[in-house]
Amino acid sequence: MTSMDKVAYIRKYFDRMTASDIDGIINLFEVDAYVLSPFLGKMSAESFFRKLGNASSASKLTVFDVLLGEHGDSGAEHFEYDWTLASGERIVFQSVDYFKFSKNMKFSSMSIFYDTHPLREDVGDKYDNA
């Protein structure tokens, strides 16, 4: 897989996220792949995306940049996530998803990075009394 193929594969993930194509997203990952999420911790990719699908009514992702790792086995994408929850509540934030590619050139893992401060304002500061 060339560098351009990897960029296209990462962008395919974001296209499927915007289309709410949960099965299509899961198919981009190895069966034993996992996701590291700031709120949900480490989960199998399938469990994570099923949970995300159930919690969502719409998603719009605006990609700012796709970066590839220097060893050819990773990539990241900086984007804005305009997320409408199943409840109708809308949350907009910027994030970076970091992907590791397997030898089969599917995703073997994804780590999610974003500033949780704006979200903490909505759900409360769990460290306030620490």
C-alpha atoms as a PDB file:
ATOM      1  CA  MET A   1       0.000   0.000   0.000  1.00  0.00           C
ATOM      2  CA  THR A   2       1.464   3.350  -1.034  1.00  0.00           C
ATOM      3  CA  SER A   3       1.384   6.502   1.067  1.00  0.00           C
ATOM      4  CA  MET A   4      -1.465   7.840  -1.062  1.00  0.00           C
ATOM      5  CA  ASP A   5      -3.380   4.572  -0.549  1.00  0.00           C
ATOM      6  CA  LYS A   6      -2.984   4.957   3.229  1.00  0.00           C
ATOM      7  CA  VAL A   7      -4.213   8.549   3.106  1.00  0.00           C
ATOM      8  CA  ALA A   8      -7.209   7.412   1.031  1.00  0.00           C
ATOM      9  CA  TYR A   9      -7.904   4.566   3.502  1.00  0.00           C
ATOM     10  CA  ILE A  10      -7.899   6.973   6.440  1.00  0.00           C
ATOM     11  CA  ARG A  11     -10.182   9.366   4.539  1.00  0.00           C
ATOM     12  CA  LYS A  12     -12.484   6.428   3.741  1.00  0.00           C
ATOM     13  CA  TYR A  13     -12.934   5.970   7.497  1.00  0.00           C
ATOM     14  CA  PHE A  14     -14.060   9.589   7.837  1.00  0.00           C
ATOM     15  CA  ASP A  15     -16.387   9.311   4.843  1.00  0.00           C
ATOM     16  CA  ARG A  16     -18.029   6.278   6.458  1.00  0.00           C
ATOM     17  CA  MET A  17     -18.281   8.087   9.793  1.00  0.00           C
ATOM     18  CA  THR A  18     -20.103  10.982   8.132  1.00  0.00           C
ATOM     19  CA  ALA A  19     -22.399   8.476   6.372  1.00  0.00           C
ATOM     20  CA  SER A  20     -23.068   6.687   9.718  1.00  0.00           C
ATOM     21  CA  ASP A  21     -21.999   3.439   8.007  1.00  0.00           C
ATOM     22  CA  ILE A  22     -21.144   1.477  11.162  1.00  0.00           C
ATOM     23  CA  ASP A  23     -20.689  -1.877   9.388  1.00  0.00           C
ATOM     24  CA  GLY A  24     -18.499  -0.200   6.775  1.00  0.00           C
ATOM     25  CA  ILE A  25     -16.373   1.396   9.501  1.00  0.00           C
ATOM     26  CA  ILE A  26     -15.945  -1.902  11.344  1.00  0.00           C
ATOM     27  CA  ASN A  27     -14.848  -3.582   8.097  1.00  0.00           C
ATOM     28  CA  LEU A  28     -11.885  -1.180   7.879  1.00  0.00           C
ATOM     29  CA  PHE A  29     -10.510  -2.714  11.099  1.00  0.00           C
ATOM     30  CA  GLU A  30      -8.982  -6.107  11.851  1.00  0.00           C
ATOM     31  CA  VAL A  31     -11.277  -8.444  13.809  1.00  0.00           C
ATOM     32  CA  ASP A  32      -9.090  -8.087  16.921  1.00  0.00           C
ATOM     33  CA  ALA A  33      -8.564  -4.317  16.549  1.00  0.00           C
ATOM     34  CA  TYR A  34      -9.207  -1.973  19.438  1.00  0.00           C
ATOM     35  CA  VAL A  35     -10.024   1.669  20.072  1.00  0.00           C
ATOM     36  CA  LEU A  36      -8.631   3.808  22.909  1.00  0.00           C
ATOM     37  CA  SER A  37     -11.177   6.478  23.815  1.00  0.00           C
ATOM     38  CA  PRO A  38     -10.812   9.271  26.413  1.00  0.00           C
ATOM     39  CA  PHE A  39     -14.273   8.511  27.806  1.00  0.00           C
ATOM     40  CA  LEU A  40     -14.764   4.799  27.153  1.00  0.00           C
ATOM     41  CA  GLY A  41     -11.226   3.474  27.612  1.00  0.00           C
ATOM     42  CA  LYS A  42      -9.989   0.485  25.602  1.00  0.00           C
ATOM     43  CA  MET A  43     -12.682  -1.428  23.702  1.00  0.00           C
ATOM     44  CA  SER A  44     -12.801  -3.725  20.718  1.00  0.00           C
ATOM     45  CA  ALA A  45     -13.316  -1.683  17.568  1.00  0.00           C
ATOM     46  CA  GLU A  46     -16.604  -3.423  16.846  1.00  0.00           C
ATOM     47  CA  SER A  47     -17.990  -2.751  20.354  1.00  0.00           C
ATOM     48  CA  PHE A  48     -16.842   0.864  20.274  1.00  0.00           C
ATOM     49  CA  PHE A  49     -18.423   1.649  16.906  1.00  0.00           C
ATOM     50  CA  ARG A  50     -21.684  -0.160  17.733  1.00  0.00           C
ATOM     51  CA  LYS A  51     -21.894   1.907  20.928  1.00  0.00           C
ATOM     52  CA  LEU A  52     -21.094   5.086  18.982  1.00  0.00           C
ATOM     53  CA  GLY A  53     -23.733   4.231  16.388  1.00  0.00           C
ATOM     54  CA  ASN A  54     -26.374   3.702  19.082  1.00  0.00           C
ATOM     55  CA  ALA A  55     -25.486   7.021  20.745  1.00  0.00           C
ATOM     56  CA  SER A  56     -25.576   9.041  17.507  1.00  0.00           C
ATOM     57  CA  SER A  57     -28.194  10.394  15.162  1.00  0.00           C
ATOM     58  CA  ALA A  58     -25.787  12.191  12.797  1.00  0.00           C
ATOM     59  CA  SER A  59     -22.114  12.997  12.342  1.00  0.00           C
ATOM     60  CA  LYS A  60     -20.322  15.486  10.139  1.00  0.00           C
ATOM     61  CA  LEU A  61     -16.547  15.328  10.065  1.00  0.00           C
ATOM     62  CA  THR A  62     -14.464  18.067   8.485  1.00  0.00           C
ATOM     63  CA  VAL A  63     -10.922  16.902   7.794  1.00  0.00           C
ATOM     64  CA  PHE A  64      -8.121  19.448   8.207  1.00  0.00           C
ATOM     65  CA  ASP A  65      -5.066  17.262   7.677  1.00  0.00           C
ATOM     66  CA  VAL A  66      -3.902  13.652   7.222  1.00  0.00           C
ATOM     67  CA  LEU A  67      -0.408  12.775   8.428  1.00  0.00           C
ATOM     68  CA  LEU A  68       1.539   9.550   7.978  1.00  0.00           C
ATOM     69  CA  GLY A  69       4.040   8.124  10.445  1.00  0.00           C
ATOM     70  CA  GLU A  70       7.689   7.893   9.560  1.00  0.00           C
ATOM     71  CA  HIS A  71       7.760   4.066   9.704  1.00  0.00           C
ATOM     72  CA  GLY A  72       4.817   3.572   7.342  1.00  0.00           C
ATOM     73  CA  ASP A  73       2.635   1.714   9.838  1.00  0.00           C
ATOM     74  CA  SER A  74       0.650   4.639  11.259  1.00  0.00           C
ATOM     75  CA  GLY A  75      -1.328   7.696  10.325  1.00  0.00           C
ATOM     76  CA  ALA A  76      -3.364  10.436  11.962  1.00  0.00           C
ATOM     77  CA  GLU A  77      -6.069  12.837  10.977  1.00  0.00           C
ATOM     78  CA  HIS A  78      -6.933  16.205  12.514  1.00  0.00           C
ATOM     79  CA  PHE A  79     -10.609  17.029  12.098  1.00  0.00           C
ATOM     80  CA  GLU A  80     -13.674  18.762  13.458  1.00  0.00           C
ATOM     81  CA  TYR A  81     -16.421  16.480  14.717  1.00  0.00           C
ATOM     82  CA  ASP A  82     -19.939  17.901  14.504  1.00  0.00           C
ATOM     83  CA  TRP A  83     -21.794  15.183  16.401  1.00  0.00           C
ATOM     84  CA  THR A  84     -25.534  15.001  16.968  1.00  0.00           C
ATOM     85  CA  LEU A  85     -26.416  12.573  19.745  1.00  0.00           C
ATOM     86  CA  ALA A  86     -29.454  10.303  19.642  1.00  0.00           C
ATOM     87  CA  SER A  87     -31.035  12.706  22.179  1.00  0.00           C
ATOM     88  CA  GLY A  88     -30.750  15.542  19.626  1.00  0.00           C
ATOM     89  CA  GLU A  89     -27.985  17.331  21.555  1.00  0.00           C
ATOM     90  CA  ARG A  90     -25.196  18.642  19.328  1.00  0.00           C
ATOM     91  CA  ILE A  91     -21.506  18.692  20.264  1.00  0.00           C
ATOM     92  CA  VAL A  92     -18.761  20.214  18.078  1.00  0.00           C
ATOM     93  CA  PHE A  93     -15.075  19.730  18.857  1.00  0.00           C
ATOM     94  CA  GLN A  94     -11.703  19.157  17.221  1.00  0.00           C
ATOM     95  CA  SER A  95      -9.933  15.838  17.521  1.00  0.00           C
ATOM     96  CA  VAL A  96      -7.060  13.736  16.247  1.00  0.00           C
ATOM     97  CA  ASP A  97      -7.474  10.035  15.539  1.00  0.00           C
ATOM     98  CA  TYR A  98      -4.243   8.051  15.413  1.00  0.00           C
ATOM     99  CA  PHE A  99      -4.352   4.786  13.444  1.00  0.00           C
ATOM    100  CA  LYS A 100      -1.978   1.833  13.387  1.00  0.00           C
ATOM    101  CA  PHE A 101      -2.018  -0.289  10.236  1.00  0.00           C
ATOM    102  CA  SER A 102      -1.803  -4.075  10.378  1.00  0.00           C
ATOM    103  CA  LYS A 103       0.289  -6.173   8.012  1.00  0.00           C
ATOM    104  CA  ASN A 104      -2.959  -6.655   6.036  1.00  0.00           C
ATOM    105  CA  MET A 105      -3.187  -2.846   5.724  1.00  0.00           C
ATOM    106  CA  LYS A 106      -6.375  -2.641   7.750  1.00  0.00           C
ATOM    107  CA  PHE A 107      -6.503  -0.701  11.007  1.00  0.00           C
ATOM    108  CA  SER A 108      -5.198  -2.653  13.992  1.00  0.00           C
ATOM    109  CA  SER A 109      -5.923   0.137  16.463  1.00  0.00           C
ATOM    110  CA  MET A 110      -7.167   3.684  16.777  1.00  0.00           C
ATOM    111  CA  SER A 111      -6.434   6.140  19.580  1.00  0.00           C
ATOM    112  CA  ILE A 112      -8.635   9.209  19.961  1.00  0.00           C
ATOM    113  CA  PHE A 113      -7.199  12.510  21.224  1.00  0.00           C
ATOM    114  CA  TYR A 114      -9.141  15.668  22.023  1.00  0.00           C
ATOM    115  CA  ASP A 115      -9.340  18.413  24.588  1.00  0.00           C
ATOM    116  CA  THR A 116     -11.859  17.185  27.148  1.00  0.00           C
ATOM    117  CA  HIS A 117     -12.135  20.595  28.843  1.00  0.00           C
ATOM    118  CA  PRO A 118     -15.127  21.837  26.791  1.00  0.00           C
ATOM    119  CA  LEU A 119     -16.902  18.520  27.383  1.00  0.00           C
ATOM    120  CA  ARG A 120     -16.071  18.636  31.112  1.00  0.00           C
ATOM    121  CA  GLU A 121     -17.884  21.959  31.269  1.00  0.00           C
ATOM    122  CA  ASP A 122     -21.031  20.076  30.218  1.00  0.00           C
ATOM    123  CA  VAL A 123     -20.601  17.000  32.439  1.00  0.00           C
ATOM    124  CA  GLY A 124     -18.766  18.560  35.392  1.00  0.00           C
ATOM    125  CA  ASP A 125     -15.201  18.585  36.671  1.00  0.00           C
ATOM    126  CA  LYS A 126     -14.620  15.196  38.269  1.00  0.00           C
ATOM    127  CA  TYR A 127     -11.362  16.521  39.813  1.00  0.00           C
ATOM    128  CA  ASP A 128     -12.872  19.590  41.496  1.00  0.00           C
ATOM    129  CA  ASN A 129     -12.804  18.067  44.992  1.00  0.00           C
ATOM    130  CA  ALA A 130      -9.520  16.161  44.619  1.00  0.00           C
END
